[in-house]
Amino acid sequence: MQQFSLKSNPLLLCVSNGISHDAAWALLPAFRDAAAGSYNAEAHAVDFSNEPEKAVGEINGCLAAATNKHIDSILDPSSVNTLTSLVLSCAIHFRGRWEAPFAKAHMVVDKFHRLDGSTADVPFMCSVRSQYIAIRNGDKVLKLPYRSPAPAPRKGSSSESNVGDDPAPKYSMCIFLPDERDGLPGLVEKMSSGPGFWHYRLPTLQVPVGDFRLPKFKLSASGSVRQVLRNGMGINSVFVAGEADLADTAAKRDEDAAGTPLYVADVCHKAVLEVNEGGTVAIGATASYMLCGASAIMDQPVKVDFVADHPFVFFVIEEVSGAIIFVGRILDPSISG
């Protein structure tokens, strides 16, 4: 688990990974060691066949602890059955303060234009400070940095000024705003057309702003992302019995069942995110369970307007590694669920 405490630093990031396997199955050593070494994932045995409620309760309890109870459950007993062999779970709790917080006194209520042409009155954060904004062909990109955590002291050193060689993580929220009020579908299509679209379009310079408005928003989402993975990302074979290649993960202890193939039955995800004047709170959890089965940058003007009064896409990223912590789209900030 990687964690920065809010008591001493302005940023908190907790990542918790777990493997829950049925007692009738044994994790193969290479998979178990790789999961522990690369993801710090703890493995434990449960009884999906005879005590599904207890097994699900243990999984949900681990996720609740990792997200400070912001997400108290992701699975229900109906999610597992006698064929369930493994459940892989992941929880992320992120909380960051803006490097330059917005003043509550500058908040205004204005219209947000939905894709269907209707509007909603929502609170907007405003600013007169220079911002990291880039103008692209058909959209604008805003980068809002979070205050960075203090670098960790080098191991074996008592001096606080003697820090490690690795650069401190640097987190930001990046907002991609289409020029047209109904331009979100086209922007999403552009973003999915090739890898690294977001990374190569981030602004690197601060520019003075004219009209700057960003809505406050809080969103939550939960449910299966199986169809998104299959239809949107082309991940298919892992969900098909007989096609999934998961033989290196676990094996049935019963020799008569040796060779029984595994496949992923579903992937469930739940996320909660809030953006306000001070910063961002984001919590996400994902669980996948496996079953056994038979078979051109444009010139910048002197001042840049950035008015996010229509649907946009956002990323929470770690800039040093390029890792995406959260990604989503805001269609209507007046709806918190």
Protein backbone atom coordinates (compact mmCIF):
# COMPACT_ATOMS: atom_id res chain seq x y z
CA MET A 1 0.00 0.00 0.00
CA GLN A 2 1.21 3.46 -0.88
CA GLN A 3 -0.04 6.11 1.51
CA PHE A 4 0.58 9.76 2.31
CA SER A 5 -1.05 10.98 5.50
CA LEU A 6 -3.11 14.16 5.40
CA LYS A 7 -1.87 15.00 8.89
CA SER A 8 1.58 15.87 7.57
CA ASN A 9 1.04 16.23 3.85
CA PRO A 10 -1.61 17.76 1.59
CA LEU A 11 -2.25 14.53 -0.30
CA LEU A 12 -3.52 11.06 0.52
CA LEU A 13 -3.29 8.08 -1.80
CA CYS A 14 -4.14 4.60 -0.55
CA VAL A 15 -4.18 1.60 -2.86
CA SER A 16 -5.32 -1.77 -1.58
CA ASN A 17 -5.32 -4.98 -3.65
CA GLY A 18 -6.56 -8.40 -2.59
CA ILE A 19 -7.08 -11.95 -3.81
CA SER A 20 -9.83 -14.08 -2.33
CA HIS A 21 -9.79 -17.70 -3.49
CA ASP A 22 -12.08 -20.58 -2.70
CA ALA A 23 -10.58 -23.03 -0.23
CA ALA A 24 -10.89 -25.76 -2.85
CA TRP A 25 -8.42 -23.89 -5.05
CA ALA A 26 -4.73 -23.15 -4.50
CA LEU A 27 -2.94 -20.15 -5.95
CA LEU A 28 0.07 -21.11 -8.02
CA PRO A 29 3.30 -19.84 -6.43
CA ALA A 30 4.41 -17.71 -9.39
CA PHE A 31 1.05 -15.88 -9.55
CA ARG A 32 0.88 -15.44 -5.78
CA ASP A 33 4.43 -14.10 -5.58
CA ALA A 34 3.94 -11.76 -8.56
CA ALA A 35 0.70 -10.38 -7.09
CA ALA A 36 2.39 -9.76 -3.75
CA GLY A 37 5.58 -8.34 -5.22
CA SER A 38 4.10 -6.09 -7.91
CA TYR A 39 0.76 -5.10 -6.37
CA ASN A 40 1.19 -5.82 -2.65
CA ALA A 41 -1.92 -7.97 -2.97
CA GLU A 42 -2.76 -10.12 0.03
CA ALA A 43 -4.31 -13.54 -0.62
CA HIS A 44 -6.67 -15.43 1.65
CA ALA A 45 -8.98 -18.43 1.36
CA VAL A 46 -12.75 -18.18 1.70
CA ASP A 47 -15.66 -20.59 1.22
CA PHE A 48 -17.64 -19.36 -1.78
CA SER A 49 -19.47 -22.72 -2.06
CA ASN A 50 -20.86 -23.01 1.45
CA GLU A 51 -20.59 -19.52 3.00
CA PRO A 52 -20.96 -16.96 0.20
CA GLU A 53 -22.35 -14.27 2.51
CA LYS A 54 -19.38 -14.54 4.85
CA ALA A 55 -16.94 -14.53 1.92
CA VAL A 56 -18.54 -11.47 0.35
CA GLY A 57 -18.61 -9.75 3.74
CA GLU A 58 -14.87 -10.24 4.15
CA ILE A 59 -14.16 -8.82 0.68
CA ASN A 60 -16.42 -5.82 1.25
CA GLY A 61 -14.88 -5.27 4.67
CA CYS A 62 -11.39 -5.01 3.20
CA LEU A 63 -12.54 -2.49 0.59
CA ALA A 64 -14.40 -0.45 3.21
CA ALA A 65 -11.29 -0.25 5.36
CA ALA A 66 -9.14 0.80 2.39
CA THR A 67 -11.53 3.60 1.39
CA ASN A 68 -12.17 4.83 4.95
CA LYS A 69 -15.72 3.45 4.62
CA HIS A 70 -16.57 5.81 1.74
CA ILE A 71 -17.31 2.62 -0.22
CA ASP A 72 -18.82 0.05 2.13
CA SER A 73 -19.60 -2.67 -0.40
CA ILE A 74 -19.05 -3.68 -3.99
CA LEU A 75 -20.29 -7.28 -4.07
CA ASP A 76 -23.45 -8.94 -2.80
CA PRO A 77 -23.94 -12.66 -2.11
CA SER A 78 -25.63 -13.16 -5.47
CA SER A 79 -22.35 -12.12 -7.14
CA VAL A 80 -20.78 -15.48 -6.26
CA ASN A 81 -21.90 -19.08 -6.53
CA THR A 82 -20.55 -22.62 -6.32
CA LEU A 83 -18.49 -22.07 -9.49
CA THR A 84 -16.70 -18.98 -8.15
CA SER A 85 -13.00 -19.66 -7.69
CA LEU A 86 -11.27 -16.30 -7.33
CA VAL A 87 -12.17 -12.69 -6.65
CA LEU A 88 -9.58 -10.02 -7.41
CA SER A 89 -10.35 -6.71 -5.70
CA CYS A 90 -8.81 -3.26 -5.81
CA ALA A 91 -9.63 -0.09 -3.89
CA ILE A 92 -8.19 3.40 -4.36
CA HIS A 93 -8.73 6.33 -2.01
CA PHE A 94 -7.38 9.66 -3.26
CA ARG A 95 -7.69 13.00 -1.57
CA GLY A 96 -5.81 16.07 -2.76
CA ARG A 97 -5.72 19.80 -2.12
CA TRP A 98 -5.29 22.19 -5.01
CA GLU A 99 -1.92 23.86 -5.32
CA ALA A 100 -3.92 27.09 -5.70
CA PRO A 101 -7.33 26.67 -4.00
CA PHE A 102 -10.37 28.54 -5.28
CA ALA A 103 -11.93 31.24 -3.12
CA LYS A 104 -15.44 30.35 -1.97
CA ALA A 105 -16.36 34.03 -2.15
CA HIS A 106 -15.86 33.93 -5.93
CA MET A 107 -18.33 31.10 -6.47
CA VAL A 108 -21.19 31.92 -8.85
CA VAL A 109 -24.31 30.05 -9.92
CA ASP A 110 -24.77 29.80 -13.66
CA LYS A 111 -26.18 27.61 -16.42
CA PHE A 112 -24.66 24.26 -17.35
CA HIS A 113 -25.72 23.08 -20.82
CA ARG A 114 -26.51 19.38 -21.09
CA LEU A 115 -26.05 17.35 -24.28
CA ASP A 116 -29.82 17.32 -24.92
CA GLY A 117 -29.90 21.13 -24.99
CA SER A 118 -31.49 21.60 -21.56
CA THR A 119 -29.75 23.52 -18.77
CA ALA A 120 -29.23 23.27 -15.04
CA ASP A 121 -28.21 25.91 -12.49
CA VAL A 122 -24.98 24.79 -10.83
CA PRO A 123 -22.26 26.44 -8.67
CA PHE A 124 -19.11 27.39 -10.56
CA MET A 125 -15.66 27.99 -9.10
CA CYS A 126 -14.07 31.11 -10.56
CA SER A 127 -10.52 32.43 -10.65
CA VAL A 128 -8.47 35.34 -11.91
CA ARG A 129 -5.14 33.53 -11.41
CA SER A 130 -3.10 32.30 -14.35
CA GLN A 131 -3.83 28.67 -15.15
CA TYR A 132 -2.25 25.79 -17.06
CA ILE A 133 -4.39 25.89 -20.22
CA ALA A 134 -3.68 24.76 -23.77
CA ILE A 135 -5.81 25.44 -26.83
CA ARG A 136 -6.10 22.56 -29.28
CA ASN A 137 -7.94 21.99 -32.50
CA GLY A 138 -11.51 21.65 -31.27
CA ASP A 139 -10.92 21.61 -27.52
CA LYS A 140 -9.10 23.16 -24.57
CA VAL A 141 -7.15 21.40 -21.84
CA LEU A 142 -6.87 22.61 -18.24
CA LYS A 143 -4.38 21.17 -15.77
CA LEU A 144 -5.00 21.79 -12.07
CA PRO A 145 -2.02 20.62 -9.98
CA TYR A 146 -2.45 19.26 -6.48
CA ARG A 147 -0.06 20.19 -3.70
CA SER A 148 2.67 17.58 -3.67
CA PRO A 149 3.52 15.45 -0.64
CA ALA A 150 6.86 16.03 1.03
CA PRO A 151 9.59 13.74 -0.34
CA ALA A 152 10.41 10.78 1.85
CA PRO A 153 13.80 10.82 3.67
CA ARG A 154 16.41 8.51 2.25
CA LYS A 155 16.53 5.16 4.02
CA GLY A 156 19.15 5.03 6.74
CA SER A 157 19.37 8.81 7.02
CA SER A 158 18.22 10.86 9.99
CA SER A 159 18.38 14.13 8.07
CA GLU A 160 15.07 15.41 6.76
CA SER A 161 16.89 17.31 4.02
CA ASN A 162 18.57 14.17 2.74
CA VAL A 163 15.85 12.77 0.49
CA GLY A 164 15.81 9.80 -1.85
CA ASP A 165 16.86 9.87 -5.47
CA ASP A 166 13.38 9.10 -6.81
CA PRO A 167 11.32 12.18 -7.74
CA ALA A 168 8.31 12.88 -5.55
CA PRO A 169 4.97 12.00 -7.14
CA LYS A 170 3.12 14.88 -8.75
CA TYR A 171 -0.65 14.67 -9.13
CA SER A 172 -2.96 16.78 -11.28
CA MET A 173 -6.51 16.88 -12.55
CA CYS A 174 -6.72 17.42 -16.29
CA ILE A 175 -9.96 18.58 -17.89
CA PHE A 176 -10.58 18.21 -21.63
CA LEU A 177 -13.30 20.64 -22.68
CA PRO A 178 -14.69 20.50 -26.25
CA ASP A 179 -15.30 23.84 -27.95
CA GLU A 180 -18.85 22.90 -28.90
CA ARG A 181 -21.50 22.30 -26.28
CA ASP A 182 -22.40 18.98 -27.92
CA GLY A 183 -18.80 18.11 -28.73
CA LEU A 184 -18.19 15.48 -26.05
CA PRO A 185 -18.94 12.39 -28.20
CA GLY A 186 -16.48 13.57 -30.86
CA LEU A 187 -13.84 14.34 -28.24
CA VAL A 188 -14.21 10.89 -26.65
CA GLU A 189 -13.89 9.28 -30.08
CA LYS A 190 -10.72 11.29 -30.70
CA MET A 191 -9.30 10.31 -27.34
CA SER A 192 -9.91 6.62 -27.97
CA SER A 193 -8.38 6.73 -31.46
CA GLY A 194 -4.85 6.18 -30.20
CA PRO A 195 -2.82 5.54 -27.05
CA GLY A 196 -1.49 8.46 -25.05
CA PHE A 197 -3.92 11.05 -26.43
CA TRP A 198 -4.25 12.76 -23.04
CA HIS A 199 -0.55 12.62 -22.19
CA TYR A 200 0.71 14.51 -25.24
CA ARG A 201 -1.88 17.25 -24.95
CA LEU A 202 -1.28 18.47 -21.43
CA PRO A 203 -0.44 22.17 -21.02
CA THR A 204 3.04 23.03 -19.79
CA LEU A 205 2.76 26.81 -19.36
CA GLN A 206 0.51 29.01 -17.28
CA VAL A 207 -1.47 31.64 -19.16
CA PRO A 208 -3.52 34.59 -17.91
CA VAL A 209 -7.24 33.88 -17.92
CA GLY A 210 -10.24 35.93 -18.89
CA ASP A 211 -13.53 34.22 -18.07
CA PHE A 212 -12.71 31.15 -15.98
CA ARG A 213 -15.48 28.95 -14.62
CA LEU A 214 -15.33 25.33 -13.48
CA PRO A 215 -18.35 23.60 -11.93
CA LYS A 216 -18.22 21.97 -8.55
CA PHE A 217 -19.32 18.37 -8.89
CA LYS A 218 -19.77 15.15 -7.01
CA LEU A 219 -20.42 11.87 -8.75
CA SER A 220 -20.77 8.21 -7.93
CA ALA A 221 -21.07 5.24 -10.22
CA SER A 222 -21.34 1.52 -9.67
CA GLY A 223 -22.09 -1.63 -11.59
CA SER A 224 -20.61 -4.07 -14.05
CA VAL A 225 -18.02 -2.82 -16.54
CA ARG A 226 -17.92 -6.13 -18.41
CA GLN A 227 -19.57 -4.78 -21.54
CA VAL A 228 -17.38 -1.67 -21.49
CA LEU A 229 -14.29 -3.87 -21.46
CA ARG A 230 -15.65 -6.14 -24.19
CA ASN A 231 -17.28 -3.64 -26.54
CA GLY A 232 -15.28 -0.52 -25.80
CA MET A 233 -11.81 -1.97 -25.25
CA GLY A 234 -11.96 -5.23 -27.20
CA ILE A 235 -11.15 -7.46 -24.21
CA ASN A 236 -13.13 -10.58 -25.02
CA SER A 237 -11.37 -13.91 -24.65
CA VAL A 238 -10.81 -13.60 -20.91
CA PHE A 239 -14.61 -13.67 -20.42
CA VAL A 240 -15.14 -16.85 -22.45
CA ALA A 241 -14.80 -20.32 -20.94
CA GLY A 242 -12.31 -22.33 -22.95
CA GLU A 243 -10.70 -19.21 -24.48
CA ALA A 244 -9.40 -17.47 -21.37
CA ASP A 245 -5.75 -18.22 -20.64
CA LEU A 246 -5.66 -18.12 -16.84
CA ALA A 247 -3.96 -21.45 -16.22
CA ASP A 248 -1.07 -19.78 -14.39
CA THR A 249 -3.22 -18.29 -11.63
CA ALA A 250 -4.70 -21.17 -9.62
CA ALA A 251 -5.39 -24.89 -9.67
CA LYS A 252 -8.10 -27.06 -8.15
CA ARG A 253 -6.86 -29.03 -5.17
CA ASP A 254 -9.01 -32.01 -6.18
CA GLU A 255 -6.92 -34.00 -8.63
CA ASP A 256 -10.07 -35.23 -10.40
CA ALA A 257 -10.83 -31.62 -11.34
CA ALA A 258 -7.31 -30.82 -12.49
CA GLY A 259 -7.26 -28.84 -15.70
CA THR A 260 -10.64 -27.20 -15.11
CA PRO A 261 -10.30 -23.87 -16.94
CA LEU A 262 -10.89 -20.48 -15.38
CA TYR A 263 -12.48 -17.44 -16.97
CA VAL A 264 -13.59 -14.02 -15.75
CA ALA A 265 -17.33 -13.90 -15.09
CA ASP A 266 -17.64 -10.17 -14.43
CA VAL A 267 -15.81 -7.03 -13.37
CA CYS A 268 -17.62 -4.75 -10.91
CA HIS A 269 -16.58 -1.17 -10.26
CA LYS A 270 -17.70 1.52 -7.86
CA ALA A 271 -16.32 5.05 -7.63
CA VAL A 272 -17.08 8.23 -5.71
CA LEU A 273 -15.48 11.56 -6.59
CA GLU A 274 -15.99 15.12 -5.36
CA VAL A 275 -14.38 18.32 -6.67
CA ASN A 276 -14.74 21.58 -4.77
CA GLU A 277 -12.84 24.77 -3.95
CA GLY A 278 -10.26 23.01 -1.79
CA GLY A 279 -9.46 20.04 -3.98
CA THR A 280 -10.62 16.52 -4.78
CA VAL A 281 -11.78 13.45 -2.92
CA ALA A 282 -11.94 10.33 -5.07
CA ILE A 283 -12.60 6.75 -4.05
CA GLY A 284 -12.77 3.80 -6.40
CA ALA A 285 -13.10 0.06 -6.02
CA THR A 286 -13.04 -2.76 -8.55
CA ALA A 287 -13.64 -6.47 -8.17
CA SER A 288 -13.41 -9.16 -10.81
CA TYR A 289 -14.37 -12.72 -10.12
CA MET A 290 -13.42 -15.84 -12.01
CA LEU A 291 -15.46 -18.95 -12.57
CA CYS A 292 -14.49 -22.45 -13.55
CA GLY A 293 -16.27 -23.73 -16.66
CA ALA A 294 -16.37 -26.66 -19.03
CA SER A 295 -15.30 -25.19 -22.18
CA ALA A 296 -1.43 20.72 -33.65
CA ILE A 297 -1.08 23.21 -30.81
CA MET A 298 -2.60 26.61 -31.78
CA ASP A 299 -1.22 30.06 -30.89
CA GLN A 300 -2.17 31.19 -27.39
CA PRO A 301 -4.00 34.53 -27.10
CA VAL A 302 -3.08 37.08 -24.42
CA LYS A 303 -5.92 35.88 -22.19
CA VAL A 304 -7.65 32.52 -22.36
CA ASP A 305 -11.27 31.85 -21.45
CA PHE A 306 -12.05 28.46 -19.94
CA VAL A 307 -15.75 28.09 -19.28
CA ALA A 308 -16.68 24.49 -18.48
CA ASP A 309 -20.42 25.05 -18.83
CA HIS A 310 -21.01 21.93 -20.92
CA PRO A 311 -19.99 18.24 -20.76
CA PHE A 312 -16.27 17.44 -20.45
CA VAL A 313 -13.81 14.65 -19.67
CA PHE A 314 -11.45 14.66 -16.69
CA PHE A 315 -8.40 12.66 -15.62
CA VAL A 316 -6.64 12.47 -12.26
CA ILE A 317 -3.06 11.57 -13.11
CA GLU A 318 0.37 11.10 -11.58
CA GLU A 319 2.67 13.02 -13.91
CA VAL A 320 6.03 11.40 -13.10
CA SER A 321 4.90 7.88 -13.97
CA GLY A 322 2.09 8.85 -16.33
CA ALA A 323 -0.35 6.69 -14.34
CA ILE A 324 -4.08 7.44 -14.60
CA ILE A 325 -5.68 7.31 -11.14
CA PHE A 326 -9.23 8.22 -12.18
CA VAL A 327 -10.97 9.08 -15.44
CA GLY A 328 -14.55 10.13 -16.04
CA ARG A 329 -16.90 12.50 -17.81
CA ILE A 330 -19.23 15.14 -16.40
CA LEU A 331 -22.57 15.27 -18.19
CA ASP A 332 -24.56 17.11 -15.53
CA PRO A 333 -22.85 18.41 -12.34
CA SER A 334 -26.25 19.10 -10.75
CA ILE A 335 -26.68 15.34 -10.33
CA SER A 336 -24.51 13.95 -7.54
CA GLY A 337 -25.28 10.27 -8.09
